[in-house]
N, C-alpha and C. Protein backbone atom coordinates (compact mmCIF):
# COMPACT_ATOMS: atom_id res chain seq x y z
N UNK A 1 -105.02 169.27 -144.97
CA UNK A 1 -103.68 169.86 -144.83
C UNK A 1 -103.65 171.03 -143.86
N UNK A 2 -104.64 171.98 -143.94
CA UNK A 2 -104.63 173.06 -142.99
C UNK A 2 -104.69 172.57 -141.55
N UNK A 3 -105.43 171.48 -141.34
CA UNK A 3 -105.52 170.95 -139.98
C UNK A 3 -104.16 170.51 -139.47
N UNK A 4 -103.40 169.87 -140.33
CA UNK A 4 -102.06 169.40 -139.95
C UNK A 4 -101.16 170.58 -139.66
N UNK A 5 -101.25 171.62 -140.48
CA UNK A 5 -100.41 172.80 -140.29
C UNK A 5 -100.71 173.46 -138.95
N UNK A 6 -101.98 173.52 -138.58
CA UNK A 6 -102.33 174.16 -137.31
C UNK A 6 -101.89 173.31 -136.11
N UNK A 7 -101.91 172.00 -136.22
CA UNK A 7 -101.54 171.13 -135.09
C UNK A 7 -100.04 171.06 -134.88
N UNK A 8 -99.27 171.15 -135.93
CA UNK A 8 -97.82 171.01 -135.80
C UNK A 8 -97.24 171.99 -134.80
N UNK A 9 -97.56 173.30 -134.88
CA UNK A 9 -97.03 174.22 -133.89
C UNK A 9 -97.48 173.87 -132.47
N UNK A 10 -98.72 173.36 -132.35
CA UNK A 10 -99.21 172.98 -131.02
C UNK A 10 -98.36 171.86 -130.43
N UNK A 11 -98.04 170.88 -131.26
CA UNK A 11 -97.21 169.77 -130.80
C UNK A 11 -95.81 170.26 -130.43
N UNK A 12 -95.25 171.13 -131.26
CA UNK A 12 -93.92 171.66 -130.99
C UNK A 12 -93.92 172.50 -129.72
N UNK A 13 -95.00 173.29 -129.53
CA UNK A 13 -95.10 174.13 -128.34
C UNK A 13 -95.18 173.27 -127.08
N UNK A 14 -95.97 172.20 -127.16
CA UNK A 14 -96.10 171.28 -126.01
C UNK A 14 -94.76 170.63 -125.69
N UNK A 15 -94.04 170.25 -126.76
CA UNK A 15 -92.72 169.64 -126.55
C UNK A 15 -91.78 170.63 -125.90
N UNK A 16 -91.84 171.88 -126.34
CA UNK A 16 -90.98 172.91 -125.76
C UNK A 16 -91.29 173.11 -124.28
N UNK A 17 -92.59 173.13 -123.94
CA UNK A 17 -92.98 173.26 -122.54
C UNK A 17 -92.47 172.11 -121.70
N UNK A 18 -92.56 170.88 -122.26
CA UNK A 18 -92.08 169.69 -121.54
C UNK A 18 -90.58 169.79 -121.26
N UNK A 19 -89.82 170.19 -122.29
CA UNK A 19 -88.37 170.30 -122.13
C UNK A 19 -88.02 171.40 -121.14
N UNK A 20 -88.75 172.49 -121.19
CA UNK A 20 -88.48 173.58 -120.26
C UNK A 20 -88.78 173.15 -118.83
N UNK A 21 -89.88 172.42 -118.65
CA UNK A 21 -90.23 171.94 -117.31
C UNK A 21 -89.18 170.97 -116.78
N UNK A 22 -88.69 170.10 -117.66
CA UNK A 22 -87.65 169.14 -117.25
C UNK A 22 -86.40 169.87 -116.84
N UNK A 23 -86.05 170.93 -117.59
CA UNK A 23 -84.85 171.70 -117.27
C UNK A 23 -85.01 172.39 -115.93
N UNK A 24 -86.20 172.98 -115.69
CA UNK A 24 -86.45 173.64 -114.41
C UNK A 24 -86.38 172.65 -113.26
N UNK A 25 -86.90 171.44 -113.50
CA UNK A 25 -86.87 170.42 -112.45
C UNK A 25 -85.46 170.06 -112.08
N UNK A 26 -84.56 169.97 -113.05
CA UNK A 26 -83.17 169.63 -112.76
C UNK A 26 -82.49 170.74 -111.98
N UNK A 27 -82.87 172.01 -112.28
CA UNK A 27 -82.22 173.13 -111.64
C UNK A 27 -82.86 173.48 -110.30
N UNK A 28 -84.02 172.92 -110.01
CA UNK A 28 -84.73 173.25 -108.78
C UNK A 28 -83.96 172.73 -107.57
N UNK A 29 -84.07 173.44 -106.41
CA UNK A 29 -83.40 172.97 -105.19
C UNK A 29 -83.86 171.57 -104.83
N UNK A 30 -82.95 170.78 -104.31
CA UNK A 30 -83.30 169.43 -103.90
C UNK A 30 -84.22 169.47 -102.69
N UNK A 31 -85.24 168.63 -102.67
CA UNK A 31 -86.15 168.54 -101.54
C UNK A 31 -85.56 167.58 -100.52
N UNK A 32 -85.55 167.99 -99.26
CA UNK A 32 -85.01 167.18 -98.19
C UNK A 32 -86.14 166.47 -97.47
N UNK A 33 -86.02 165.15 -97.36
CA UNK A 33 -86.99 164.38 -96.57
C UNK A 33 -86.64 164.52 -95.10
N UNK A 34 -87.60 164.98 -94.30
CA UNK A 34 -87.36 165.18 -92.88
C UNK A 34 -88.39 164.41 -92.07
N UNK A 35 -88.17 164.37 -90.76
CA UNK A 35 -89.13 163.69 -89.90
C UNK A 35 -88.44 163.08 -88.69
N UNK A 36 -89.25 162.61 -87.76
CA UNK A 36 -88.74 161.99 -86.55
C UNK A 36 -88.28 160.57 -86.84
N UNK A 37 -87.12 160.22 -86.33
CA UNK A 37 -86.57 158.89 -86.55
C UNK A 37 -87.31 157.86 -85.69
N UNK A 38 -87.23 156.57 -86.06
CA UNK A 38 -87.73 155.51 -85.18
C UNK A 38 -86.95 155.51 -83.87
N UNK A 39 -87.51 154.85 -82.86
CA UNK A 39 -86.82 154.74 -81.58
C UNK A 39 -85.46 154.07 -81.74
N UNK A 40 -85.39 153.13 -82.69
CA UNK A 40 -84.11 152.49 -83.01
C UNK A 40 -84.13 152.09 -84.47
N UNK A 41 -82.98 152.10 -85.08
CA UNK A 41 -82.86 151.67 -86.47
C UNK A 41 -81.41 151.33 -86.75
N UNK A 42 -81.20 150.62 -87.84
CA UNK A 42 -79.85 150.24 -88.24
C UNK A 42 -79.57 150.73 -89.66
N UNK A 43 -78.32 151.07 -89.88
CA UNK A 43 -77.88 151.55 -91.19
C UNK A 43 -76.72 150.69 -91.67
N UNK A 44 -76.86 150.13 -92.85
CA UNK A 44 -75.80 149.33 -93.46
C UNK A 44 -74.99 150.20 -94.40
N UNK A 45 -73.69 150.25 -94.17
CA UNK A 45 -72.76 150.97 -95.02
C UNK A 45 -71.99 149.98 -95.89
N UNK A 46 -72.00 150.22 -97.18
CA UNK A 46 -71.16 149.46 -98.10
C UNK A 46 -70.00 150.37 -98.49
N UNK A 47 -68.76 149.91 -98.26
CA UNK A 47 -67.60 150.76 -98.51
C UNK A 47 -66.57 150.04 -99.37
N UNK A 48 -65.54 150.78 -99.72
CA UNK A 48 -64.47 150.23 -100.54
C UNK A 48 -63.65 149.20 -99.79
N UNK A 49 -63.77 149.13 -98.46
CA UNK A 49 -63.04 148.16 -97.65
C UNK A 49 -63.92 147.01 -97.17
N UNK A 50 -65.23 147.12 -97.39
CA UNK A 50 -66.15 146.12 -96.89
C UNK A 50 -67.37 146.80 -96.30
N UNK A 51 -68.16 146.04 -95.57
CA UNK A 51 -69.43 146.56 -95.04
C UNK A 51 -69.41 146.63 -93.52
N UNK A 52 -70.14 147.62 -93.00
CA UNK A 52 -70.35 147.68 -91.55
C UNK A 52 -71.75 148.19 -91.28
N UNK A 53 -72.23 147.94 -90.06
CA UNK A 53 -73.60 148.30 -89.68
C UNK A 53 -73.56 149.14 -88.42
N UNK A 54 -74.34 150.23 -88.44
CA UNK A 54 -74.47 151.11 -87.29
C UNK A 54 -75.88 150.95 -86.71
N UNK A 55 -75.97 150.74 -85.39
CA UNK A 55 -77.25 150.71 -84.69
C UNK A 55 -77.42 152.03 -83.96
N UNK A 56 -78.56 152.67 -84.18
CA UNK A 56 -78.85 153.96 -83.57
C UNK A 56 -79.97 153.81 -82.55
N UNK A 57 -79.74 154.36 -81.36
CA UNK A 57 -80.76 154.39 -80.31
C UNK A 57 -81.14 155.86 -80.12
N UNK A 58 -82.37 156.19 -80.47
CA UNK A 58 -82.77 157.60 -80.45
C UNK A 58 -82.68 158.21 -79.05
N UNK A 59 -82.81 157.41 -78.00
CA UNK A 59 -82.75 157.95 -76.64
C UNK A 59 -81.37 158.52 -76.31
N UNK A 60 -80.33 158.07 -77.04
CA UNK A 60 -78.99 158.60 -76.83
C UNK A 60 -78.89 160.06 -77.23
N UNK A 61 -79.56 160.41 -78.32
CA UNK A 61 -79.44 161.76 -78.88
C UNK A 61 -80.59 161.98 -79.85
N UNK A 62 -81.75 162.42 -79.38
CA UNK A 62 -82.92 162.53 -80.26
C UNK A 62 -82.69 163.41 -81.49
N UNK A 63 -82.13 164.59 -81.31
CA UNK A 63 -81.89 165.46 -82.47
C UNK A 63 -80.85 164.85 -83.41
N UNK A 64 -79.82 164.24 -82.82
CA UNK A 64 -78.79 163.62 -83.64
C UNK A 64 -79.31 162.43 -84.42
N UNK A 65 -80.13 161.60 -83.77
CA UNK A 65 -80.70 160.44 -84.45
C UNK A 65 -81.62 160.87 -85.58
N UNK A 66 -82.43 161.89 -85.33
CA UNK A 66 -83.33 162.38 -86.37
C UNK A 66 -82.54 162.87 -87.58
N UNK A 67 -81.47 163.63 -87.33
CA UNK A 67 -80.68 164.15 -88.44
C UNK A 67 -79.98 163.02 -89.20
N UNK A 68 -79.42 162.06 -88.48
CA UNK A 68 -78.75 160.95 -89.15
C UNK A 68 -79.73 160.18 -90.02
N UNK A 69 -80.93 159.95 -89.49
CA UNK A 69 -81.96 159.25 -90.25
C UNK A 69 -82.31 160.04 -91.51
N UNK A 70 -82.44 161.37 -91.40
CA UNK A 70 -82.73 162.22 -92.55
C UNK A 70 -81.63 162.11 -93.60
N UNK A 71 -80.38 162.15 -93.16
CA UNK A 71 -79.25 162.09 -94.08
C UNK A 71 -79.25 160.77 -94.85
N UNK A 72 -79.45 159.68 -94.13
CA UNK A 72 -79.46 158.37 -94.80
C UNK A 72 -80.65 158.26 -95.74
N UNK A 73 -81.83 158.70 -95.28
CA UNK A 73 -83.03 158.63 -96.11
C UNK A 73 -82.86 159.42 -97.41
N UNK A 74 -82.08 160.49 -97.36
CA UNK A 74 -81.83 161.30 -98.55
C UNK A 74 -80.59 160.85 -99.33
N UNK A 75 -80.04 159.69 -98.93
CA UNK A 75 -78.87 159.10 -99.59
C UNK A 75 -77.69 160.07 -99.65
N UNK A 76 -77.57 160.84 -98.59
CA UNK A 76 -76.52 161.85 -98.50
C UNK A 76 -75.13 161.24 -98.53
N UNK A 77 -74.95 160.06 -97.92
CA UNK A 77 -73.61 159.50 -97.75
C UNK A 77 -73.09 158.73 -98.96
N UNK A 78 -73.93 158.51 -99.96
CA UNK A 78 -73.49 157.74 -101.13
C UNK A 78 -72.31 158.43 -101.83
N UNK A 79 -71.31 157.61 -102.19
CA UNK A 79 -70.12 158.09 -102.91
C UNK A 79 -69.38 159.18 -102.14
N UNK A 80 -69.24 158.97 -100.83
CA UNK A 80 -68.49 159.89 -99.99
C UNK A 80 -67.18 159.28 -99.53
N UNK A 81 -66.19 160.13 -99.33
CA UNK A 81 -64.89 159.68 -98.83
C UNK A 81 -64.82 159.75 -97.31
N UNK A 82 -64.05 158.83 -96.72
CA UNK A 82 -63.61 159.00 -95.34
C UNK A 82 -62.44 159.97 -95.41
N UNK A 83 -62.74 161.24 -95.27
CA UNK A 83 -61.75 162.26 -95.62
C UNK A 83 -60.79 162.60 -94.48
N UNK A 84 -61.07 162.14 -93.29
CA UNK A 84 -60.17 162.39 -92.16
C UNK A 84 -60.07 161.12 -91.34
N UNK A 85 -59.02 160.36 -91.58
CA UNK A 85 -58.82 159.09 -90.88
C UNK A 85 -57.53 159.18 -90.09
N UNK A 86 -57.65 159.13 -88.77
CA UNK A 86 -56.51 159.17 -87.87
C UNK A 86 -56.46 157.83 -87.15
N UNK A 87 -55.51 157.00 -87.55
CA UNK A 87 -55.43 155.63 -87.06
C UNK A 87 -55.41 155.60 -85.53
N UNK A 88 -56.22 154.71 -84.96
CA UNK A 88 -56.28 154.59 -83.51
C UNK A 88 -56.96 155.75 -82.84
N UNK A 89 -57.71 156.55 -83.60
CA UNK A 89 -58.41 157.70 -83.01
C UNK A 89 -59.83 157.80 -83.58
N UNK A 90 -59.98 158.36 -84.80
CA UNK A 90 -61.31 158.50 -85.39
C UNK A 90 -61.25 158.31 -86.91
N UNK A 91 -62.42 158.05 -87.49
CA UNK A 91 -62.59 158.05 -88.94
C UNK A 91 -63.79 158.95 -89.23
N UNK A 92 -63.53 160.05 -89.94
CA UNK A 92 -64.55 161.06 -90.17
C UNK A 92 -65.06 161.03 -91.60
N UNK A 93 -66.36 161.29 -91.74
CA UNK A 93 -67.01 161.33 -93.06
C UNK A 93 -68.17 162.32 -92.97
N UNK A 94 -68.93 162.45 -94.07
CA UNK A 94 -70.07 163.35 -94.04
C UNK A 94 -69.89 164.60 -94.86
N UNK A 95 -68.94 164.59 -95.79
CA UNK A 95 -68.76 165.70 -96.73
C UNK A 95 -69.16 165.20 -98.10
N UNK A 96 -70.25 165.71 -98.61
CA UNK A 96 -70.77 165.24 -99.89
C UNK A 96 -69.81 165.58 -101.02
N UNK A 97 -69.78 164.70 -102.03
CA UNK A 97 -68.98 164.95 -103.22
C UNK A 97 -69.60 165.98 -104.13
N UNK A 98 -70.82 166.40 -103.82
CA UNK A 98 -71.54 167.41 -104.60
C UNK A 98 -71.61 168.69 -103.77
N UNK A 99 -70.90 169.76 -104.17
CA UNK A 99 -70.90 171.00 -103.38
C UNK A 99 -72.29 171.55 -103.11
N UNK A 100 -73.23 171.40 -104.04
CA UNK A 100 -74.58 171.91 -103.85
C UNK A 100 -75.28 171.21 -102.70
N UNK A 101 -74.98 169.93 -102.52
CA UNK A 101 -75.60 169.18 -101.43
C UNK A 101 -75.03 169.63 -100.08
N UNK A 102 -73.71 169.85 -100.01
CA UNK A 102 -73.13 170.37 -98.78
C UNK A 102 -73.77 171.71 -98.40
N UNK A 103 -73.92 172.58 -99.38
CA UNK A 103 -74.51 173.90 -99.14
C UNK A 103 -75.93 173.77 -98.60
N UNK A 104 -76.66 172.79 -99.13
CA UNK A 104 -78.04 172.58 -98.72
C UNK A 104 -78.15 172.25 -97.24
N UNK A 105 -77.21 171.42 -96.75
CA UNK A 105 -77.28 170.97 -95.36
C UNK A 105 -76.56 171.90 -94.39
N UNK A 106 -75.64 172.72 -94.85
CA UNK A 106 -74.83 173.55 -93.95
C UNK A 106 -75.68 174.46 -93.08
N UNK A 107 -76.76 174.98 -93.65
CA UNK A 107 -77.58 175.90 -92.88
C UNK A 107 -78.60 175.24 -91.98
N UNK A 108 -78.59 173.91 -91.91
CA UNK A 108 -79.59 173.17 -91.14
C UNK A 108 -78.98 172.62 -89.86
N UNK A 109 -78.52 173.49 -88.99
CA UNK A 109 -77.91 173.07 -87.74
C UNK A 109 -78.97 172.55 -86.78
N UNK A 110 -78.55 171.59 -85.94
CA UNK A 110 -79.48 171.01 -84.97
C UNK A 110 -79.02 171.33 -83.55
N UNK A 111 -79.95 171.38 -82.61
CA UNK A 111 -79.57 171.67 -81.21
C UNK A 111 -78.77 170.51 -80.61
N UNK A 112 -77.99 170.83 -79.62
CA UNK A 112 -77.29 169.80 -78.88
C UNK A 112 -78.29 168.99 -78.04
N UNK A 113 -77.91 167.77 -77.74
CA UNK A 113 -78.65 166.91 -76.82
C UNK A 113 -77.79 166.67 -75.59
N UNK A 114 -78.39 166.36 -74.45
CA UNK A 114 -77.59 165.95 -73.30
C UNK A 114 -76.83 164.67 -73.64
N UNK A 115 -75.57 164.60 -73.30
CA UNK A 115 -74.80 163.40 -73.62
C UNK A 115 -75.17 162.29 -72.64
N UNK A 116 -75.53 161.14 -73.19
CA UNK A 116 -75.94 159.99 -72.38
C UNK A 116 -74.95 158.83 -72.45
N UNK A 117 -74.11 158.84 -73.47
CA UNK A 117 -73.14 157.76 -73.65
C UNK A 117 -71.75 158.35 -73.87
N UNK A 118 -70.75 157.54 -73.58
CA UNK A 118 -69.36 157.97 -73.77
C UNK A 118 -68.89 157.64 -75.18
N UNK A 119 -67.88 158.38 -75.63
CA UNK A 119 -67.28 158.13 -76.94
C UNK A 119 -66.33 156.93 -76.85
N UNK A 120 -66.93 155.76 -76.72
CA UNK A 120 -66.16 154.53 -76.66
C UNK A 120 -65.88 154.02 -78.07
N UNK A 121 -64.94 153.10 -78.16
CA UNK A 121 -64.62 152.51 -79.45
C UNK A 121 -65.88 151.98 -80.13
N UNK A 122 -66.07 152.36 -81.38
CA UNK A 122 -67.21 151.89 -82.15
C UNK A 122 -68.41 152.81 -82.14
N UNK A 123 -68.44 153.77 -81.21
CA UNK A 123 -69.57 154.70 -81.21
C UNK A 123 -69.39 155.72 -82.34
N UNK A 124 -70.53 156.29 -82.77
CA UNK A 124 -70.53 157.26 -83.84
C UNK A 124 -71.15 158.55 -83.32
N UNK A 125 -70.48 159.67 -83.59
CA UNK A 125 -70.91 160.98 -83.10
C UNK A 125 -70.85 162.01 -84.22
N UNK A 126 -71.62 163.07 -84.08
CA UNK A 126 -71.53 164.19 -85.01
C UNK A 126 -70.31 165.05 -84.68
N UNK A 127 -69.63 165.51 -85.72
CA UNK A 127 -68.61 166.54 -85.53
C UNK A 127 -69.33 167.86 -85.22
N UNK A 128 -68.66 168.75 -84.50
CA UNK A 128 -69.26 170.03 -84.12
C UNK A 128 -68.17 171.05 -83.91
N UNK A 129 -68.54 172.31 -84.03
CA UNK A 129 -67.59 173.40 -83.83
C UNK A 129 -68.03 174.33 -82.71
N UNK A 130 -68.88 173.85 -81.85
CA UNK A 130 -69.39 174.68 -80.77
C UNK A 130 -70.82 174.29 -80.44
N UNK A 131 -71.46 175.11 -79.66
CA UNK A 131 -72.82 174.84 -79.22
C UNK A 131 -73.80 174.84 -80.39
N UNK A 132 -74.66 173.85 -80.43
CA UNK A 132 -75.74 173.76 -81.44
C UNK A 132 -75.21 173.93 -82.87
N UNK A 133 -74.14 173.24 -83.19
CA UNK A 133 -73.51 173.42 -84.51
C UNK A 133 -73.48 172.15 -85.35
N UNK A 134 -74.13 171.08 -84.91
CA UNK A 134 -74.09 169.83 -85.66
C UNK A 134 -74.89 169.95 -86.96
N UNK A 135 -74.33 169.41 -88.04
CA UNK A 135 -75.04 169.48 -89.33
C UNK A 135 -75.04 168.11 -90.02
N UNK A 136 -73.89 167.73 -90.64
CA UNK A 136 -73.88 166.54 -91.49
C UNK A 136 -72.58 165.75 -91.44
N UNK A 137 -71.58 166.20 -90.68
CA UNK A 137 -70.34 165.45 -90.57
C UNK A 137 -70.36 164.58 -89.31
N UNK A 138 -69.86 163.35 -89.44
CA UNK A 138 -69.82 162.43 -88.32
C UNK A 138 -68.46 161.75 -88.26
N UNK A 139 -68.21 161.08 -87.15
CA UNK A 139 -66.99 160.29 -87.03
C UNK A 139 -67.28 159.04 -86.20
N UNK A 140 -66.50 158.01 -86.48
CA UNK A 140 -66.54 156.78 -85.70
C UNK A 140 -65.31 156.76 -84.81
N UNK A 141 -65.50 156.48 -83.55
CA UNK A 141 -64.37 156.36 -82.63
C UNK A 141 -63.66 155.03 -82.86
N UNK A 142 -62.38 155.10 -83.19
CA UNK A 142 -61.60 153.89 -83.42
C UNK A 142 -60.97 153.36 -82.13
N UNK A 143 -61.11 154.11 -81.05
CA UNK A 143 -60.68 153.67 -79.72
C UNK A 143 -61.56 154.39 -78.71
N UNK A 144 -61.42 154.04 -77.44
CA UNK A 144 -62.12 154.79 -76.40
C UNK A 144 -61.56 156.20 -76.35
N UNK A 145 -62.43 157.19 -76.48
CA UNK A 145 -61.99 158.60 -76.50
C UNK A 145 -62.74 159.41 -75.44
N UNK A 146 -62.51 159.13 -74.16
CA UNK A 146 -63.24 159.84 -73.10
C UNK A 146 -63.01 161.35 -73.11
N UNK A 147 -61.88 161.80 -73.63
CA UNK A 147 -61.63 163.25 -73.66
C UNK A 147 -62.63 163.97 -74.56
N UNK A 148 -63.21 163.25 -75.53
CA UNK A 148 -64.20 163.87 -76.41
C UNK A 148 -65.53 164.09 -75.70
N UNK A 149 -65.76 163.36 -74.60
CA UNK A 149 -66.98 163.58 -73.82
C UNK A 149 -66.99 164.99 -73.25
N UNK A 150 -65.85 165.40 -72.72
CA UNK A 150 -65.75 166.73 -72.11
C UNK A 150 -65.91 167.84 -73.14
N UNK A 151 -65.65 167.52 -74.41
CA UNK A 151 -65.79 168.51 -75.49
C UNK A 151 -67.20 168.48 -76.09
N UNK A 152 -68.09 167.71 -75.47
CA UNK A 152 -69.50 167.66 -75.84
C UNK A 152 -69.75 167.05 -77.22
N UNK A 153 -68.95 166.08 -77.60
CA UNK A 153 -69.27 165.26 -78.78
C UNK A 153 -70.21 164.15 -78.31
N UNK A 154 -71.37 164.04 -78.94
CA UNK A 154 -72.47 163.26 -78.41
C UNK A 154 -72.73 162.02 -79.27
N UNK A 155 -72.44 160.82 -78.77
CA UNK A 155 -72.71 159.61 -79.55
C UNK A 155 -74.20 159.44 -79.84
N UNK A 156 -74.50 158.96 -81.05
CA UNK A 156 -75.88 158.69 -81.44
C UNK A 156 -76.13 157.19 -81.63
N UNK A 157 -75.07 156.41 -81.70
CA UNK A 157 -75.19 154.97 -81.92
C UNK A 157 -73.83 154.33 -81.93
N UNK A 158 -73.78 153.08 -82.37
CA UNK A 158 -72.49 152.38 -82.37
C UNK A 158 -72.45 151.36 -83.51
N UNK A 159 -71.25 151.03 -83.91
CA UNK A 159 -71.03 150.00 -84.92
C UNK A 159 -71.26 148.64 -84.26
N UNK A 160 -72.16 147.86 -84.82
CA UNK A 160 -72.48 146.55 -84.24
C UNK A 160 -71.97 145.41 -85.11
N UNK A 161 -71.49 145.73 -86.29
CA UNK A 161 -70.93 144.70 -87.16
C UNK A 161 -69.97 145.37 -88.13
N UNK A 162 -68.79 144.76 -88.31
CA UNK A 162 -67.85 145.25 -89.30
C UNK A 162 -66.87 146.29 -88.80
N UNK A 163 -66.62 146.33 -87.50
CA UNK A 163 -65.67 147.31 -86.97
C UNK A 163 -64.28 147.15 -87.59
N UNK A 164 -63.93 145.93 -87.94
CA UNK A 164 -62.61 145.70 -88.56
C UNK A 164 -62.47 146.42 -89.89
N UNK A 165 -63.60 146.67 -90.56
CA UNK A 165 -63.57 147.42 -91.83
C UNK A 165 -63.07 148.84 -91.58
N UNK A 166 -63.55 149.45 -90.52
CA UNK A 166 -63.15 150.81 -90.20
C UNK A 166 -61.68 150.87 -89.76
N UNK A 167 -61.22 149.82 -89.12
CA UNK A 167 -59.81 149.77 -88.72
C UNK A 167 -58.88 149.71 -89.93
N UNK A 168 -59.39 149.26 -91.08
CA UNK A 168 -58.56 149.10 -92.28
C UNK A 168 -58.58 150.32 -93.19
N UNK A 169 -59.36 151.35 -92.87
CA UNK A 169 -59.46 152.51 -93.76
C UNK A 169 -58.11 153.16 -93.97
N UNK A 170 -57.87 153.61 -95.19
CA UNK A 170 -56.59 154.24 -95.52
C UNK A 170 -56.40 155.52 -94.69
N UNK A 171 -55.24 155.59 -94.01
CA UNK A 171 -54.97 156.76 -93.17
C UNK A 171 -53.72 157.52 -93.62
N UNK A 172 -53.30 157.29 -94.86
CA UNK A 172 -52.07 157.93 -95.35
C UNK A 172 -52.14 159.45 -95.32
N UNK A 173 -53.32 160.01 -95.52
CA UNK A 173 -53.41 161.46 -95.70
C UNK A 173 -53.71 162.22 -94.41
N UNK A 174 -54.08 161.51 -93.35
CA UNK A 174 -54.32 162.17 -92.07
C UNK A 174 -55.31 163.31 -92.18
N UNK A 175 -54.89 164.50 -91.78
CA UNK A 175 -55.75 165.69 -91.80
C UNK A 175 -55.50 166.57 -93.01
N UNK A 176 -54.79 166.06 -93.99
CA UNK A 176 -54.47 166.88 -95.17
C UNK A 176 -55.69 167.30 -95.99
N UNK A 177 -56.67 166.40 -96.24
CA UNK A 177 -57.86 166.86 -96.97
C UNK A 177 -58.60 167.93 -96.16
N UNK A 178 -58.93 169.03 -96.80
CA UNK A 178 -59.56 170.16 -96.11
C UNK A 178 -61.04 170.24 -96.46
N UNK A 179 -61.85 170.33 -95.40
CA UNK A 179 -63.29 170.31 -95.65
C UNK A 179 -63.74 171.48 -96.52
N UNK A 180 -63.21 172.67 -96.33
CA UNK A 180 -63.69 173.81 -97.11
C UNK A 180 -63.44 173.61 -98.61
N UNK A 181 -62.42 172.83 -98.96
CA UNK A 181 -62.17 172.53 -100.37
C UNK A 181 -63.09 171.42 -100.87
N UNK A 182 -63.38 170.45 -99.99
CA UNK A 182 -64.36 169.43 -100.37
C UNK A 182 -65.72 170.08 -100.59
N UNK A 183 -66.08 171.00 -99.69
CA UNK A 183 -67.39 171.63 -99.76
C UNK A 183 -67.58 172.44 -101.03
N UNK A 184 -66.49 172.99 -101.55
CA UNK A 184 -66.61 173.83 -102.74
C UNK A 184 -66.23 173.12 -104.04
N UNK A 185 -65.36 172.10 -103.95
CA UNK A 185 -64.89 171.42 -105.16
C UNK A 185 -65.41 169.99 -105.29
N UNK A 186 -65.87 169.42 -104.18
CA UNK A 186 -66.44 168.08 -104.24
C UNK A 186 -65.43 166.97 -104.43
N UNK A 187 -65.91 165.85 -104.93
CA UNK A 187 -65.06 164.67 -105.09
C UNK A 187 -63.95 164.86 -106.11
N UNK A 188 -64.10 165.81 -107.02
CA UNK A 188 -63.03 166.04 -108.00
C UNK A 188 -61.74 166.42 -107.30
N UNK A 189 -61.84 167.21 -106.24
CA UNK A 189 -60.68 167.60 -105.43
C UNK A 189 -60.06 166.38 -104.75
N UNK A 190 -60.90 165.54 -104.17
CA UNK A 190 -60.39 164.37 -103.44
C UNK A 190 -59.80 163.33 -104.38
N UNK A 191 -60.44 163.11 -105.51
CA UNK A 191 -59.90 162.12 -106.46
C UNK A 191 -58.55 162.56 -106.99
N UNK A 192 -58.41 163.84 -107.23
CA UNK A 192 -57.16 164.35 -107.80
C UNK A 192 -56.03 164.38 -106.78
N UNK A 193 -56.32 164.84 -105.58
CA UNK A 193 -55.27 165.06 -104.59
C UNK A 193 -55.07 163.89 -103.63
N UNK A 194 -56.12 163.10 -103.39
CA UNK A 194 -56.05 162.03 -102.40
C UNK A 194 -56.70 160.76 -102.95
N UNK A 195 -56.11 160.20 -103.98
CA UNK A 195 -56.76 159.10 -104.71
C UNK A 195 -56.92 157.82 -103.90
N UNK A 196 -56.17 157.64 -102.82
CA UNK A 196 -56.25 156.39 -102.06
C UNK A 196 -57.31 156.40 -100.96
N UNK A 197 -58.00 157.51 -100.79
CA UNK A 197 -59.01 157.56 -99.73
C UNK A 197 -60.07 156.48 -99.94
N UNK A 198 -60.42 155.79 -98.87
CA UNK A 198 -61.54 154.86 -98.94
C UNK A 198 -62.84 155.64 -98.96
N UNK A 199 -63.90 154.98 -99.44
CA UNK A 199 -65.14 155.70 -99.64
C UNK A 199 -66.36 154.82 -99.34
N UNK A 200 -67.48 155.51 -99.10
CA UNK A 200 -68.77 154.87 -98.89
C UNK A 200 -69.45 154.73 -100.24
N UNK A 201 -69.83 153.52 -100.59
CA UNK A 201 -70.61 153.32 -101.82
C UNK A 201 -72.07 153.69 -101.57
N UNK A 202 -72.66 153.08 -100.54
CA UNK A 202 -74.05 153.36 -100.18
C UNK A 202 -74.22 153.26 -98.68
N UNK A 203 -75.28 153.91 -98.17
CA UNK A 203 -75.69 153.78 -96.78
C UNK A 203 -77.21 153.70 -96.78
N UNK A 204 -77.77 152.61 -96.23
CA UNK A 204 -79.20 152.37 -96.30
C UNK A 204 -79.75 151.91 -94.95
N UNK A 205 -80.93 152.38 -94.61
CA UNK A 205 -81.62 151.95 -93.39
C UNK A 205 -82.12 150.52 -93.60
N UNK A 206 -81.82 149.65 -92.64
CA UNK A 206 -82.19 148.25 -92.80
C UNK A 206 -83.09 147.72 -91.71
N UNK A 207 -83.31 148.51 -90.63
CA UNK A 207 -84.15 148.00 -89.56
C UNK A 207 -84.87 149.09 -88.81
N UNK A 208 -86.15 149.28 -89.02
CA UNK A 208 -86.94 150.23 -88.27
C UNK A 208 -87.80 149.50 -87.26
N UNK A 209 -87.94 150.08 -86.07
CA UNK A 209 -88.88 149.55 -85.08
C UNK A 209 -89.94 150.61 -84.82
N UNK A 210 -90.49 150.64 -83.65
CA UNK A 210 -91.56 151.59 -83.36
C UNK A 210 -91.06 153.02 -83.44
N UNK A 211 -91.83 153.89 -84.10
CA UNK A 211 -91.46 155.30 -84.20
C UNK A 211 -91.78 156.02 -82.89
N UNK A 212 -90.92 157.00 -82.61
CA UNK A 212 -91.18 157.83 -81.44
C UNK A 212 -92.40 158.71 -81.68
N UNK A 213 -93.15 159.11 -80.65
CA UNK A 213 -94.34 159.95 -80.83
C UNK A 213 -93.95 161.35 -81.29
């Protein structure tokens, strides 16, 4: 009996340590997977309107391709809204439904790359607010937008399948959804105020080729 009495607290103490460790793990900052992207890769997007595929060529924008690859690898785009859809112009996404995730990426700006391609219909580029300000928001050009070239929006790839899906995205709300509210309130704000927004279910890398050195 004394042996059992002495072991019981040990078992309880071990259980307490396990629960405390699990709690700390949940509260710990999320680890971001980083690294150089392959020379080319494809990303399949599953959305509320259907599926589309983006092909990325790293030579178009090395820093941009690396960041996009990181975002997809970290499943950043899952359960995200197309929060700014302007018919016949662009469809913008890249605002996480989890405010903590937005905060994590906001401070990770990447340098600009020389622009090698034009913002033609179907190309995908990072949104930016000035020099070296790209982080995690992107847009797909729904038409040829040469004026965006002069504003230094740099394509990283293009939609190679499913462009009609992007043409069907709900555009009722235009520019009404505000990023600063998404960043702080997450999907709860969008579901409540803009329930018809189309969304990304998942985004996954489906084709890697040779990695850049």
